[in-house]
C-alpha atoms as a PDB file:
ATOM      1  CA  MET A   1      79.355 122.804 115.663  1.00  0.00           C
ATOM      2  CA  THR A   2      77.537 120.429 112.998  1.00  0.00           C
ATOM      3  CA  THR A   3      79.786 117.221 112.242  1.00  0.00           C
ATOM      4  CA  PHE A   4      78.647 115.486 109.345  1.00  0.00           C
ATOM      5  CA  ILE A   5      79.175 111.557 109.105  1.00  0.00           C
ATOM      6  CA  GLU A   6      81.822 111.692 106.266  1.00  0.00           C
ATOM      7  CA  GLU A   7      83.756 113.951 108.670  1.00  0.00           C
ATOM      8  CA  ARG A   8      83.607 111.332 111.516  1.00  0.00           C
ATOM      9  CA  VAL A   9      84.530 108.512 109.022  1.00  0.00           C
ATOM     10  CA  TYR A  10      87.623 110.514 108.025  1.00  0.00           C
ATOM     11  CA  TYR A  11      88.757 111.098 111.620  1.00  0.00           C
ATOM     12  CA  LEU A  12      88.235 107.801 112.568  1.00  0.00           C
ATOM     13  CA  LEU A  13      90.161 106.234 109.584  1.00  0.00           C
ATOM     14  CA  ALA A  14      92.981 108.998 109.722  1.00  0.00           C
ATOM     15  CA  GLY A  15      93.376 108.559 113.478  1.00  0.00           C
ATOM     16  CA  GLU A  16      93.735 104.926 113.261  1.00  0.00           C
ATOM     17  CA  ALA A  17      97.322 103.657 113.209  1.00  0.00           C
ATOM     18  CA  THR A  18      96.640 100.274 111.369  1.00  0.00           C
ATOM     19  CA  VAL A  19      95.054 102.440 108.599  1.00  0.00           C
ATOM     20  CA  THR A  20      97.537 105.428 108.257  1.00  0.00           C
ATOM     21  CA  ALA A  21     100.628 102.811 108.449  1.00  0.00           C
ATOM     22  CA  LEU A  22      99.145 101.623 104.870  1.00  0.00           C
ATOM     23  CA  VAL A  23      97.888 105.050 103.217  1.00  0.00           C
ATOM     24  CA  GLY A  24      99.536 107.730 105.203  1.00  0.00           C
ATOM     25  CA  ALA A  25      97.375 110.686 104.613  1.00  0.00           C
ATOM     26  CA  ARG A  26      95.636 109.174 101.241  1.00  0.00           C
ATOM     27  CA  ILE A  27      92.255 109.033 102.732  1.00  0.00           C
ATOM     28  CA  TYR A  28      89.799 111.184 100.290  1.00  0.00           C
ATOM     29  CA  PRO A  29      86.282 112.289  99.887  1.00  0.00           C
ATOM     30  CA  ASP A  30      84.327 111.096  96.945  1.00  0.00           C
ATOM     31  CA  LYS A  31      87.070 110.055  94.863  1.00  0.00           C
ATOM     32  CA  LEU A  32      91.156 109.513  94.509  1.00  0.00           C
ATOM     33  CA  LYS A  33      93.212 112.317  93.733  1.00  0.00           C
ATOM     34  CA  GLN A  34      94.493 112.063  90.099  1.00  0.00           C
ATOM     35  CA  ALA A  35      97.382 109.909  89.922  1.00  0.00           C
ATOM     36  CA  CYS A  36      97.636 109.573  93.772  1.00  0.00           C
ATOM     37  CA  ALA A  37     100.325 106.893  95.152  1.00  0.00           C
ATOM     38  CA  MET A  38      98.685 103.522  96.127  1.00  0.00           C
ATOM     39  CA  PRO A  39      97.281 102.486  98.657  1.00  0.00           C
ATOM     40  CA  ALA A  40      94.763 104.908  98.984  1.00  0.00           C
ATOM     41  CA  ILE A  41      91.031 105.247 100.365  1.00  0.00           C
ATOM     42  CA  ALA A  42      88.018 107.105  98.981  1.00  0.00           C
ATOM     43  CA  TYR A  43      84.642 107.533 100.902  1.00  0.00           C
ATOM     44  CA  THR A  44      81.601 108.878  99.914  1.00  0.00           C
ATOM     45  CA  ARG A  45      77.893 109.032 101.344  1.00  0.00           C
ATOM     46  CA  ILE A  46      75.559 106.851  99.181  1.00  0.00           C
ATOM     47  CA  SER A  47      71.978 107.840 100.879  1.00  0.00           C
ATOM     48  CA  THR A  48      70.599 109.534 103.919  1.00  0.00           C
ATOM     49  CA  ARG A  49      67.201 107.885 105.263  1.00  0.00           C
ATOM     50  CA  PRO A  50      65.504 109.665 108.452  1.00  0.00           C
ATOM     51  CA  VAL A  51      64.916 107.568 111.412  1.00  0.00           C
ATOM     52  CA  ASN A  52      61.138 107.691 112.362  1.00  0.00           C
ATOM     53  CA  ASP A  53      59.347 105.938 115.301  1.00  0.00           C
ATOM     54  CA  LEU A  54      55.600 106.267 116.173  1.00  0.00           C
ATOM     55  CA  GLY A  55      56.265 109.873 117.660  1.00  0.00           C
ATOM     56  CA  GLY A  56      57.941 110.926 114.201  1.00  0.00           C
ATOM     57  CA  TYR A  57      61.582 112.062 113.383  1.00  0.00           C
ATOM     58  CA  ASP A  58      63.648 111.756 116.109  1.00  0.00           C
ATOM     59  CA  ASP A  59      66.878 113.902 114.698  1.00  0.00           C
ATOM     60  CA  THR A  60      68.871 110.869 113.628  1.00  0.00           C
ATOM     61  CA  ASN A  61      69.794 109.702 110.247  1.00  0.00           C
ATOM     62  CA  GLN A  62      70.721 106.342 108.721  1.00  0.00           C
ATOM     63  CA  VAL A  63      73.848 107.286 106.178  1.00  0.00           C
ATOM     64  CA  ASN A  64      74.952 104.667 103.773  1.00  0.00           C
ATOM     65  CA  ILE A  65      78.668 105.446 103.360  1.00  0.00           C
ATOM     66  CA  GLN A  66      80.752 103.892 101.063  1.00  0.00           C
ATOM     67  CA  ILE A  67      84.700 103.374 101.378  1.00  0.00           C
ATOM     68  CA  ASP A  68      86.483 102.332  98.694  1.00  0.00           C
ATOM     69  CA  CYS A  69      90.158 100.395  99.352  1.00  0.00           C
ATOM     70  CA  TYR A  70      92.427 100.792  96.475  1.00  0.00           C
ATOM     71  CA  ALA A  71      95.862  99.046  95.734  1.00  0.00           C
ATOM     72  CA  THR A  72      98.011  97.907  93.074  1.00  0.00           C
ATOM     73  CA  THR A  73      97.654  94.239  94.286  1.00  0.00           C
ATOM     74  CA  LYS A  74      94.802  92.139  95.066  1.00  0.00           C
ATOM     75  CA  ALA A  75      96.357  91.473  98.578  1.00  0.00           C
ATOM     76  CA  GLY A  76      97.035  94.825  99.004  1.00  0.00           C
ATOM     77  CA  ALA A  77      93.830  95.979  98.534  1.00  0.00           C
ATOM     78  CA  MET A  78      92.459  93.189 101.024  1.00  0.00           C
ATOM     79  CA  ASP A  79      95.064  93.986 103.598  1.00  0.00           C
ATOM     80  CA  LEU A  80      93.546  97.640 103.553  1.00  0.00           C
ATOM     81  CA  ALA A  81      89.946  96.468 103.738  1.00  0.00           C
ATOM     82  CA  LYS A  82      90.661  94.438 106.642  1.00  0.00           C
ATOM     83  CA  VAL A  83      92.010  97.381 108.771  1.00  0.00           C
ATOM     84  CA  VAL A  84      89.042  99.503 107.590  1.00  0.00           C
ATOM     85  CA  LEU A  85      86.665  96.954 108.551  1.00  0.00           C
ATOM     86  CA  ALA A  86      88.317  96.551 112.012  1.00  0.00           C
ATOM     87  CA  ALA A  87      88.231 100.455 112.551  1.00  0.00           C
ATOM     88  CA  MET A  88      84.667 100.631 111.234  1.00  0.00           C
ATOM     89  CA  ASP A  89      83.730  97.938 113.750  1.00  0.00           C
ATOM     90  CA  SER A  90      85.493  99.742 116.670  1.00  0.00           C
ATOM     91  CA  ALA A  91      84.023 103.133 115.802  1.00  0.00           C
ATOM     92  CA  ALA A  92      83.047 105.123 119.368  1.00  0.00           C
ATOM     93  CA  GLN A  93      82.403 108.229 117.492  1.00  0.00           C
ATOM     94  CA  PHE A  94      79.231 106.665 115.800  1.00  0.00           C
ATOM     95  CA  ASN A  95      77.260 103.587 115.161  1.00  0.00           C
ATOM     96  CA  SER A  96      77.867 101.467 112.111  1.00  0.00           C
ATOM     97  CA  LEU A  97      77.076  98.260 110.530  1.00  0.00           C
ATOM     98  CA  ARG A  98      78.241  96.502 107.726  1.00  0.00           C
ATOM     99  CA  ILE A  99      76.307  95.961 104.703  1.00  0.00           C
ATOM    100  CA  GLY A 100      78.361  94.613 102.287  1.00  0.00           C
ATOM    101  CA  TRP A 101      81.776  94.008 100.440  1.00  0.00           C
ATOM    102  CA  ARG A 102      82.672  93.729  96.586  1.00  0.00           C
ATOM    103  CA  THR A 103      86.172  93.233  95.375  1.00  0.00           C
ATOM    104  CA  TYR A 104      86.898  94.684  91.645  1.00  0.00           C
ATOM    105  CA  TYR A 105      89.682  94.932  89.265  1.00  0.00           C
ATOM    106  CA  GLU A 106      89.673  98.149  87.363  1.00  0.00           C
ATOM    107  CA  SER A 107      91.447  97.258  84.147  1.00  0.00           C
ATOM    108  CA  ASP A 108      91.640 101.057  82.982  1.00  0.00           C
ATOM    109  CA  THR A 109      93.543 102.009  86.094  1.00  0.00           C
ATOM    110  CA  ARG A 110      94.990  98.907  86.936  1.00  0.00           C
ATOM    111  CA  LEU A 111      93.857  98.927  90.504  1.00  0.00           C
ATOM    112  CA  TYR A 112      92.303  96.327  92.452  1.00  0.00           C
ATOM    113  CA  ARG A 113      89.566  97.804  94.501  1.00  0.00           C
ATOM    114  CA  ASN A 114      87.353  96.613  97.779  1.00  0.00           C
ATOM    115  CA  MET A 115      84.328  98.357  98.054  1.00  0.00           C
ATOM    116  CA  LEU A 116      82.904  98.142 101.783  1.00  0.00           C
ATOM    117  CA  GLU A 117      79.451  99.549 102.457  1.00  0.00           C
ATOM    118  CA  PHE A 118      78.170 100.854 105.937  1.00  0.00           C
ATOM    119  CA  ASP A 119      74.841 101.998 107.439  1.00  0.00           C
ATOM    120  CA  CYS A 120      75.996 104.518 110.043  1.00  0.00           C
ATOM    121  CA  TRP A 121      73.822 106.413 112.278  1.00  0.00           C
ATOM    122  CA  ASN A 122      74.359 110.211 113.146  1.00  0.00           C
ATOM    123  CA  ASP A 123      72.330 112.699 114.713  1.00  0.00           C
ATOM    124  CA  THR A 124      73.960 115.699 113.581  1.00  0.00           C
ATOM    125  CA  ASP A 125      73.451 115.216 109.670  1.00  0.00           C
END
């Protein structure tokens, strides 16, 4: 059975008590549900790059994943980002490396967002 990195990220976050204590089941692929309660998480694949060595492609992909942590307050978005970072840093299901972290206020939705970016290595994509 093929397991894509997005599924692994979902199960990691949904299985982490510190994450679900803040968001419950509000962990969504690609974008938030319309008018969902806050705080919440959206995750998406940004890009996929094959890993090559001198022998060619080795069935491993480097996948860039973005995880957006939304809340109605800046502190709430920051608290959520911290527990997501800790979960991703301790992932046993796949390897991940922090790439970046950006903070936004979205005036149209009146939500604070911390956009976390990771490179993950997965041999089943």
